[in-house]
Amino acid sequence: MSDIRGTLRTALSQAIIDELIGKNVAASVTLPSSRSKKRKAWSSDDARRFLESARTDDDVFYAAYVLVLVLGLRKGEALGLTWDDIDLDGAELTIGRQLQRVRRQLLHRETKTEGSDATLPLPDICVAALRHRQVRQREARSEAGKAWQGSGLVFTTRFSTPVEPRNFSRSYDTRIMKAGVRRITVHDARRTCGTLLADLDVHPRVAMQILRHAQFSITMEIYTQVSSKSTRDALKRPGESLGGSADA
């Protein structure tokens, strides 16, 4: 409602400048205060159970789930990633494109705003998950043979065609049920990012870059709310074990 009022007020202000009207009647309008909805997120324990479930079952989207939870990537950003966007040796990932369903077309295009673009450092768990994904994709390419499309995307179907975002959401919901955690949307899952970075012992300055905070103090507020040592240790194990399997 406030967005509508703001748009109307701006339009009427311009009308005054253009001498079309004499008074901006929207300027004096006040809206009743409303209670903002509490944003949903998982606890570190919920996120750990979700990721461990995906890793144990060798879920094809395990690395995507890691990127959503640990880096805060949007669904379209994760599905739009190409291997050219990722430097595993340098532990960096560049966000610049997204995969979106627009009407009847599946588009691989630039992110909506320049503010969405970023080059992010990759914590160890992300590097391990992506290396594992790389191995699995090579295996899928070998099995597909001439049917392989070679899209260059990180997350694809078994023939390397883009993943339908709705199918990703269905897989995510199925994984939630298997993991036995409360259901939240992919968008809400991104809000777990800051807590997980603290629990994974990612340096606060690195976390500040990942979270894209303007002030270091905001990042440090999150770092004062870390989980128990047992939870932090459990969160680190999936990355370590995956790293081992990917190198095998």
C-alpha atoms as a PDB file:
ATOM      1  CA  MET A   1       0.000   0.000   0.000  1.00  0.00           C
ATOM      2  CA  SER A   2       2.808   2.445   0.842  1.00  0.00           C
ATOM      3  CA  ASP A   3       4.379   1.756  -2.586  1.00  0.00           C
ATOM      4  CA  ILE A   4       1.116   2.685  -4.292  1.00  0.00           C
ATOM      5  CA  ARG A   5       0.870   5.896  -2.263  1.00  0.00           C
ATOM      6  CA  GLY A   6       4.462   6.791  -3.087  1.00  0.00           C
ATOM      7  CA  THR A   7       3.952   6.251  -6.819  1.00  0.00           C
ATOM      8  CA  LEU A   8       0.777   8.334  -6.822  1.00  0.00           C
ATOM      9  CA  ARG A   9       2.405  11.128  -4.823  1.00  0.00           C
ATOM     10  CA  THR A  10       5.342  11.258  -7.259  1.00  0.00           C
ATOM     11  CA  ALA A  11       3.013  11.357 -10.267  1.00  0.00           C
ATOM     12  CA  LEU A  12       0.934  14.191  -8.797  1.00  0.00           C
ATOM     13  CA  SER A  13       4.053  16.154  -7.868  1.00  0.00           C
ATOM     14  CA  GLN A  14       5.157  15.979 -11.490  1.00  0.00           C
ATOM     15  CA  ALA A  15       1.671  17.101 -12.544  1.00  0.00           C
ATOM     16  CA  ILE A  16       2.089  20.227 -10.376  1.00  0.00           C
ATOM     17  CA  ILE A  17       5.437  20.965 -12.040  1.00  0.00           C
ATOM     18  CA  ASP A  18       3.758  20.571 -15.436  1.00  0.00           C
ATOM     19  CA  GLU A  19       1.017  22.974 -14.222  1.00  0.00           C
ATOM     20  CA  LEU A  20      -1.693  20.386 -14.789  1.00  0.00           C
ATOM     21  CA  ILE A  21      -3.016  20.561 -11.207  1.00  0.00           C
ATOM     22  CA  GLY A  22      -2.638  22.978  -8.323  1.00  0.00           C
ATOM     23  CA  LYS A  23      -2.400  20.663  -5.323  1.00  0.00           C
ATOM     24  CA  ASN A  24      -0.980  17.233  -4.532  1.00  0.00           C
ATOM     25  CA  VAL A  25      -3.842  15.624  -2.650  1.00  0.00           C
ATOM     26  CA  ALA A  26      -1.771  12.485  -1.978  1.00  0.00           C
ATOM     27  CA  ALA A  27       0.813  14.434   0.031  1.00  0.00           C
ATOM     28  CA  SER A  28      -1.397  14.652   3.117  1.00  0.00           C
ATOM     29  CA  VAL A  29      -2.640  11.063   3.021  1.00  0.00           C
ATOM     30  CA  THR A  30      -1.465   8.911   5.942  1.00  0.00           C
ATOM     31  CA  LEU A  31      -1.738   5.149   6.097  1.00  0.00           C
ATOM     32  CA  PRO A  32      -2.619   3.180   9.218  1.00  0.00           C
ATOM     33  CA  SER A  33       0.374   1.483  10.763  1.00  0.00           C
ATOM     34  CA  SER A  34       0.548  -2.214  10.129  1.00  0.00           C
ATOM     35  CA  ARG A  35       2.534  -4.958  11.770  1.00  0.00           C
ATOM     36  CA  SER A  36       5.239  -6.188   9.443  1.00  0.00           C
ATOM     37  CA  LYS A  37       5.272  -9.892   8.790  1.00  0.00           C
ATOM     38  CA  LYS A  38       8.015 -11.784  10.540  1.00  0.00           C
ATOM     39  CA  ARG A  39      10.414 -13.192   8.006  1.00  0.00           C
ATOM     40  CA  LYS A  40      10.802 -16.941   8.012  1.00  0.00           C
ATOM     41  CA  ALA A  41      14.140 -18.686   8.149  1.00  0.00           C
ATOM     42  CA  TRP A  42      15.608 -21.962   9.278  1.00  0.00           C
ATOM     43  CA  SER A  43      17.729 -22.427  12.326  1.00  0.00           C
ATOM     44  CA  SER A  44      21.221 -23.796  11.784  1.00  0.00           C
ATOM     45  CA  ASP A  45      19.974 -27.196  12.948  1.00  0.00           C
ATOM     46  CA  ASP A  46      17.195 -27.170  10.337  1.00  0.00           C
ATOM     47  CA  ALA A  47      19.617 -26.158   7.599  1.00  0.00           C
ATOM     48  CA  ARG A  48      22.085 -28.841   8.672  1.00  0.00           C
ATOM     49  CA  ARG A  49      19.403 -31.550   8.564  1.00  0.00           C
ATOM     50  CA  PHE A  50      18.248 -30.357   5.148  1.00  0.00           C
ATOM     51  CA  LEU A  51      21.773 -30.339   3.684  1.00  0.00           C
ATOM     52  CA  GLU A  52      22.772 -33.643   5.275  1.00  0.00           C
ATOM     53  CA  SER A  53      19.652 -35.264   3.820  1.00  0.00           C
ATOM     54  CA  ALA A  54      20.493 -33.960   0.338  1.00  0.00           C
ATOM     55  CA  ARG A  55      24.141 -34.987   0.627  1.00  0.00           C
ATOM     56  CA  THR A  56      23.343 -38.485   1.905  1.00  0.00           C
ATOM     57  CA  ASP A  57      20.972 -39.110  -1.009  1.00  0.00           C
ATOM     58  CA  ASP A  58      23.446 -37.560  -3.478  1.00  0.00           C
ATOM     59  CA  ASP A  59      20.719 -35.113  -4.512  1.00  0.00           C
ATOM     60  CA  VAL A  60      21.489 -33.581  -7.923  1.00  0.00           C
ATOM     61  CA  PHE A  61      20.674 -30.152  -6.455  1.00  0.00           C
ATOM     62  CA  TYR A  62      22.784 -30.511  -3.304  1.00  0.00           C
ATOM     63  CA  ALA A  63      25.287 -27.883  -4.457  1.00  0.00           C
ATOM     64  CA  ALA A  64      22.444 -25.530  -5.425  1.00  0.00           C
ATOM     65  CA  TYR A  65      20.967 -25.855  -1.936  1.00  0.00           C
ATOM     66  CA  VAL A  66      24.381 -25.064  -0.448  1.00  0.00           C
ATOM     67  CA  LEU A  67      24.673 -21.927  -2.584  1.00  0.00           C
ATOM     68  CA  VAL A  68      21.191 -20.753  -1.612  1.00  0.00           C
ATOM     69  CA  LEU A  69      21.770 -21.308   2.101  1.00  0.00           C
ATOM     70  CA  VAL A  70      25.425 -20.309   2.446  1.00  0.00           C
ATOM     71  CA  LEU A  71      25.719 -17.546  -0.174  1.00  0.00           C
ATOM     72  CA  GLY A  72      22.099 -16.397  -0.241  1.00  0.00           C
ATOM     73  CA  LEU A  73      21.699 -16.950  -3.981  1.00  0.00           C
ATOM     74  CA  ARG A  74      18.233 -16.623  -5.456  1.00  0.00           C
ATOM     75  CA  LYS A  75      16.734 -19.612  -7.236  1.00  0.00           C
ATOM     76  CA  GLY A  76      17.152 -18.019 -10.668  1.00  0.00           C
ATOM     77  CA  GLU A  77      20.754 -17.025  -9.895  1.00  0.00           C
ATOM     78  CA  ALA A  78      21.680 -20.572  -8.873  1.00  0.00           C
ATOM     79  CA  LEU A  79      20.007 -22.133 -11.907  1.00  0.00           C
ATOM     80  CA  GLY A  80      21.588 -19.540 -14.203  1.00  0.00           C
ATOM     81  CA  LEU A  81      25.155 -20.214 -13.062  1.00  0.00           C
ATOM     82  CA  THR A  82      27.630 -21.444 -15.670  1.00  0.00           C
ATOM     83  CA  TRP A  83      30.999 -23.008 -15.037  1.00  0.00           C
ATOM     84  CA  ASP A  84      32.569 -19.882 -16.546  1.00  0.00           C
ATOM     85  CA  ASP A  85      31.100 -17.960 -13.594  1.00  0.00           C
ATOM     86  CA  ILE A  86      33.007 -20.107 -11.102  1.00  0.00           C
ATOM     87  CA  ASP A  87      36.688 -20.211 -10.193  1.00  0.00           C
ATOM     88  CA  LEU A  88      37.062 -23.227  -7.908  1.00  0.00           C
ATOM     89  CA  ASP A  89      40.835 -22.850  -7.526  1.00  0.00           C
ATOM     90  CA  GLY A  90      40.451 -19.178  -6.628  1.00  0.00           C
ATOM     91  CA  ALA A  91      37.303 -19.936  -4.563  1.00  0.00           C
ATOM     92  CA  GLU A  92      35.178 -17.250  -6.222  1.00  0.00           C
ATOM     93  CA  LEU A  93      31.766 -17.119  -7.876  1.00  0.00           C
ATOM     94  CA  THR A  94      30.385 -14.331 -10.059  1.00  0.00           C
ATOM     95  CA  ILE A  95      26.664 -13.561 -10.156  1.00  0.00           C
ATOM     96  CA  GLY A  96      25.586 -11.859 -13.358  1.00  0.00           C
ATOM     97  CA  ARG A  97      22.883 -13.963 -14.975  1.00  0.00           C
ATOM     98  CA  GLN A  98      19.714 -15.734 -13.965  1.00  0.00           C
ATOM     99  CA  LEU A  99      17.377 -18.364 -15.373  1.00  0.00           C
ATOM    100  CA  GLN A 100      13.722 -17.362 -15.410  1.00  0.00           C
ATOM    101  CA  ARG A 101      10.451 -18.572 -16.863  1.00  0.00           C
ATOM    102  CA  VAL A 102       8.779 -15.626 -18.580  1.00  0.00           C
ATOM    103  CA  ARG A 103       5.420 -16.613 -19.999  1.00  0.00           C
ATOM    104  CA  ARG A 104       6.229 -19.556 -22.263  1.00  0.00           C
ATOM    105  CA  GLN A 105       9.943 -18.901 -22.544  1.00  0.00           C
ATOM    106  CA  LEU A 106      12.803 -20.056 -20.339  1.00  0.00           C
ATOM    107  CA  LEU A 107      15.288 -17.197 -20.453  1.00  0.00           C
ATOM    108  CA  HIS A 108      18.946 -17.101 -19.415  1.00  0.00           C
ATOM    109  CA  ARG A 109      19.536 -13.380 -19.017  1.00  0.00           C
ATOM    110  CA  GLU A 110      21.217 -10.691 -16.946  1.00  0.00           C
ATOM    111  CA  THR A 111      20.105 -10.099 -13.385  1.00  0.00           C
ATOM    112  CA  LYS A 112      17.461  -7.395 -12.874  1.00  0.00           C
ATOM    113  CA  THR A 113      19.790  -4.747 -11.457  1.00  0.00           C
ATOM    114  CA  GLU A 114      23.500  -4.015 -11.319  1.00  0.00           C
ATOM    115  CA  GLY A 115      23.179  -4.240  -7.531  1.00  0.00           C
ATOM    116  CA  SER A 116      22.410  -7.942  -7.883  1.00  0.00           C
ATOM    117  CA  ASP A 117      25.722  -8.573  -9.654  1.00  0.00           C
ATOM    118  CA  ALA A 118      28.639  -9.550  -7.450  1.00  0.00           C
ATOM    119  CA  THR A 119      31.776 -11.645  -7.218  1.00  0.00           C
ATOM    120  CA  LEU A 120      31.579 -13.622  -3.995  1.00  0.00           C
ATOM    121  CA  PRO A 121      34.191 -15.643  -2.107  1.00  0.00           C
ATOM    122  CA  LEU A 122      33.346 -19.330  -1.800  1.00  0.00           C
ATOM    123  CA  PRO A 123      33.547 -20.926   1.661  1.00  0.00           C
ATOM    124  CA  ASP A 124      34.998 -24.438   1.739  1.00  0.00           C
ATOM    125  CA  ILE A 125      31.609 -26.170   1.861  1.00  0.00           C
ATOM    126  CA  CYS A 126      30.629 -24.433  -1.406  1.00  0.00           C
ATOM    127  CA  VAL A 127      33.866 -25.377  -3.169  1.00  0.00           C
ATOM    128  CA  ALA A 128      33.501 -29.001  -2.069  1.00  0.00           C
ATOM    129  CA  ALA A 129      29.860 -29.181  -3.179  1.00  0.00           C
ATOM    130  CA  LEU A 130      30.636 -27.636  -6.575  1.00  0.00           C
ATOM    131  CA  ARG A 131      33.581 -29.975  -7.185  1.00  0.00           C
ATOM    132  CA  HIS A 132      31.284 -32.874  -6.412  1.00  0.00           C
ATOM    133  CA  ARG A 133      28.704 -31.459  -8.822  1.00  0.00           C
ATOM    134  CA  GLN A 134      31.406 -31.182 -11.490  1.00  0.00           C
ATOM    135  CA  VAL A 135      32.265 -34.865 -11.114  1.00  0.00           C
ATOM    136  CA  ARG A 136      28.613 -35.908 -11.304  1.00  0.00           C
ATOM    137  CA  GLN A 137      28.040 -33.777 -14.391  1.00  0.00           C
ATOM    138  CA  ARG A 138      30.990 -35.396 -16.171  1.00  0.00           C
ATOM    139  CA  GLU A 139      29.474 -38.775 -15.418  1.00  0.00           C
ATOM    140  CA  ALA A 140      26.096 -37.616 -16.796  1.00  0.00           C
ATOM    141  CA  ARG A 141      27.809 -36.334 -19.953  1.00  0.00           C
ATOM    142  CA  SER A 142      29.470 -39.676 -20.501  1.00  0.00           C
ATOM    143  CA  GLU A 143      26.144 -41.495 -20.101  1.00  0.00           C
ATOM    144  CA  ALA A 144      24.261 -39.092 -22.402  1.00  0.00           C
ATOM    145  CA  GLY A 145      26.762 -39.388 -25.252  1.00  0.00           C
ATOM    146  CA  LYS A 146      25.599 -37.568 -28.399  1.00  0.00           C
ATOM    147  CA  ALA A 147      22.401 -36.460 -26.672  1.00  0.00           C
ATOM    148  CA  TRP A 148      24.421 -34.102 -24.444  1.00  0.00           C
ATOM    149  CA  GLN A 149      23.481 -30.472 -25.200  1.00  0.00           C
ATOM    150  CA  GLY A 150      26.507 -28.779 -23.644  1.00  0.00           C
ATOM    151  CA  SER A 151      24.735 -25.740 -22.201  1.00  0.00           C
ATOM    152  CA  GLY A 152      27.608 -24.863 -19.862  1.00  0.00           C
ATOM    153  CA  LEU A 153      25.187 -24.510 -16.962  1.00  0.00           C
ATOM    154  CA  VAL A 154      26.131 -25.912 -13.568  1.00  0.00           C
ATOM    155  CA  PHE A 155      22.688 -27.335 -12.823  1.00  0.00           C
ATOM    156  CA  THR A 156      21.008 -29.113 -15.713  1.00  0.00           C
ATOM    157  CA  THR A 157      18.850 -32.034 -16.707  1.00  0.00           C
ATOM    158  CA  ARG A 158      20.578 -35.310 -17.576  1.00  0.00           C
ATOM    159  CA  PHE A 159      21.056 -34.034 -21.146  1.00  0.00           C
ATOM    160  CA  SER A 160      22.473 -30.641 -20.069  1.00  0.00           C
ATOM    161  CA  THR A 161      19.344 -28.642 -20.827  1.00  0.00           C
ATOM    162  CA  PRO A 162      18.298 -25.872 -18.392  1.00  0.00           C
ATOM    163  CA  VAL A 163      16.340 -26.844 -15.288  1.00  0.00           C
ATOM    164  CA  GLU A 164      12.757 -25.645 -15.189  1.00  0.00           C
ATOM    165  CA  PRO A 165      12.507 -23.408 -12.066  1.00  0.00           C
ATOM    166  CA  ARG A 166       9.221 -25.032 -11.062  1.00  0.00           C
ATOM    167  CA  ASN A 167      10.875 -28.454 -11.135  1.00  0.00           C
ATOM    168  CA  PHE A 168      13.632 -27.129  -8.877  1.00  0.00           C
ATOM    169  CA  SER A 169      10.986 -25.894  -6.425  1.00  0.00           C
ATOM    170  CA  ARG A 170       9.288 -29.296  -6.468  1.00  0.00           C
ATOM    171  CA  SER A 171      12.602 -31.031  -5.749  1.00  0.00           C
ATOM    172  CA  TYR A 172      13.260 -28.567  -2.936  1.00  0.00           C
ATOM    173  CA  ASP A 173       9.835 -29.273  -1.376  1.00  0.00           C
ATOM    174  CA  THR A 174      10.404 -33.028  -1.679  1.00  0.00           C
ATOM    175  CA  ARG A 175      13.781 -32.677   0.048  1.00  0.00           C
ATOM    176  CA  ILE A 176      12.142 -30.747   2.892  1.00  0.00           C
ATOM    177  CA  MET A 177       9.752 -33.638   3.488  1.00  0.00           C
ATOM    178  CA  LYS A 178      12.581 -36.177   3.417  1.00  0.00           C
ATOM    179  CA  ALA A 179      14.680 -34.093   5.796  1.00  0.00           C
ATOM    180  CA  GLY A 180      11.773 -33.629   8.194  1.00  0.00           C
ATOM    181  CA  VAL A 181      12.176 -29.866   8.566  1.00  0.00           C
ATOM    182  CA  ARG A 182       9.453 -27.235   8.505  1.00  0.00           C
ATOM    183  CA  ARG A 183       8.497 -25.966   5.094  1.00  0.00           C
ATOM    184  CA  ILE A 184       9.715 -22.537   4.013  1.00  0.00           C
ATOM    185  CA  THR A 185      10.161 -21.164   0.512  1.00  0.00           C
ATOM    186  CA  VAL A 186      13.481 -21.065  -1.347  1.00  0.00           C
ATOM    187  CA  HIS A 187      13.415 -17.291  -0.945  1.00  0.00           C
ATOM    188  CA  ASP A 188      12.984 -17.601   2.824  1.00  0.00           C
ATOM    189  CA  ALA A 189      15.784 -20.174   2.998  1.00  0.00           C
ATOM    190  CA  ARG A 190      18.201 -17.486   1.806  1.00  0.00           C
ATOM    191  CA  ARG A 191      17.674 -15.664   5.099  1.00  0.00           C
ATOM    192  CA  THR A 192      19.542 -18.442   6.900  1.00  0.00           C
ATOM    193  CA  CYS A 193      22.731 -17.356   5.136  1.00  0.00           C
ATOM    194  CA  GLY A 194      24.208 -15.067   7.801  1.00  0.00           C
ATOM    195  CA  THR A 195      23.806 -17.543  10.643  1.00  0.00           C
ATOM    196  CA  LEU A 196      25.351 -20.355   8.633  1.00  0.00           C
ATOM    197  CA  LEU A 197      28.360 -18.235   7.712  1.00  0.00           C
ATOM    198  CA  ALA A 198      28.961 -17.589  11.403  1.00  0.00           C
ATOM    199  CA  ASP A 199      28.515 -21.254  12.284  1.00  0.00           C
ATOM    200  CA  LEU A 200      30.945 -22.275   9.523  1.00  0.00           C
ATOM    201  CA  ASP A 201      33.557 -19.929  11.034  1.00  0.00           C
ATOM    202  CA  VAL A 202      33.739 -17.848   7.864  1.00  0.00           C
ATOM    203  CA  HIS A 203      35.726 -14.707   8.693  1.00  0.00           C
ATOM    204  CA  PRO A 204      33.413 -11.741   9.431  1.00  0.00           C
ATOM    205  CA  ARG A 205      35.042  -9.608   6.718  1.00  0.00           C
ATOM    206  CA  VAL A 206      34.400 -12.354   4.159  1.00  0.00           C
ATOM    207  CA  ALA A 207      30.829 -12.746   5.435  1.00  0.00           C
ATOM    208  CA  MET A 208      30.325  -8.996   5.065  1.00  0.00           C
ATOM    209  CA  GLN A 209      31.258  -9.304   1.389  1.00  0.00           C
ATOM    210  CA  ILE A 210      28.962 -12.304   0.857  1.00  0.00           C
ATOM    211  CA  LEU A 211      26.026 -10.691   2.676  1.00  0.00           C
ATOM    212  CA  ARG A 212      26.730  -7.381   0.915  1.00  0.00           C
ATOM    213  CA  HIS A 213      26.373  -5.377   4.117  1.00  0.00           C
ATOM    214  CA  ALA A 214      27.326  -1.715   3.940  1.00  0.00           C
ATOM    215  CA  GLN A 215      28.426  -1.634   7.588  1.00  0.00           C
ATOM    216  CA  PHE A 216      30.630  -4.131   9.402  1.00  0.00           C
ATOM    217  CA  SER A 217      28.591  -3.667  12.595  1.00  0.00           C
ATOM    218  CA  ILE A 218      25.550  -5.230  10.902  1.00  0.00           C
ATOM    219  CA  THR A 219      27.558  -8.360  10.116  1.00  0.00           C
ATOM    220  CA  MET A 220      28.888  -8.550  13.647  1.00  0.00           C
ATOM    221  CA  GLU A 221      25.347  -8.515  15.048  1.00  0.00           C
ATOM    222  CA  ILE A 222      24.796 -11.838  13.283  1.00  0.00           C
ATOM    223  CA  TYR A 223      28.119 -13.204  14.536  1.00  0.00           C
ATOM    224  CA  THR A 224      27.044 -12.748  18.141  1.00  0.00           C
ATOM    225  CA  GLN A 225      24.237 -15.306  17.608  1.00  0.00           C
ATOM    226  CA  VAL A 226      26.152 -18.414  16.608  1.00  0.00           C
ATOM    227  CA  SER A 227      24.915 -21.910  17.438  1.00  0.00           C
ATOM    228  CA  SER A 228      26.396 -24.522  19.745  1.00  0.00           C
ATOM    229  CA  LYS A 229      29.792 -26.064  19.004  1.00  0.00           C
ATOM    230  CA  SER A 230      28.189 -29.417  18.177  1.00  0.00           C
ATOM    231  CA  THR A 231      25.960 -27.812  15.556  1.00  0.00           C
ATOM    232  CA  ARG A 232      28.858 -25.882  14.034  1.00  0.00           C
ATOM    233  CA  ASP A 233      30.986 -29.023  13.856  1.00  0.00           C
ATOM    234  CA  ALA A 234      28.150 -30.959  12.221  1.00  0.00           C
ATOM    235  CA  LEU A 235      27.684 -28.250   9.595  1.00  0.00           C
ATOM    236  CA  LYS A 236      31.333 -28.436   8.582  1.00  0.00           C
ATOM    237  CA  ARG A 237      31.363 -32.220   8.119  1.00  0.00           C
ATOM    238  CA  PRO A 238      29.249 -32.323   4.918  1.00  0.00           C
ATOM    239  CA  GLY A 239      31.745 -30.078   3.144  1.00  0.00           C
ATOM    240  CA  GLU A 240      34.717 -32.080   4.350  1.00  0.00           C
ATOM    241  CA  SER A 241      33.248 -35.442   3.391  1.00  0.00           C
ATOM    242  CA  LEU A 242      32.086 -34.192   0.009  1.00  0.00           C
ATOM    243  CA  GLY A 243      35.497 -32.762  -0.645  1.00  0.00           C
ATOM    244  CA  GLY A 244      36.946 -36.193  -0.109  1.00  0.00           C
ATOM    245  CA  SER A 245      34.482 -37.924  -2.389  1.00  0.00           C
ATOM    246  CA  ALA A 246      34.993 -35.372  -5.150  1.00  0.00           C
ATOM    247  CA  ASP A 247      38.737 -35.924  -5.157  1.00  0.00           C
ATOM    248  CA  ALA A 248      38.400 -39.688  -5.299  1.00  0.00           C
END
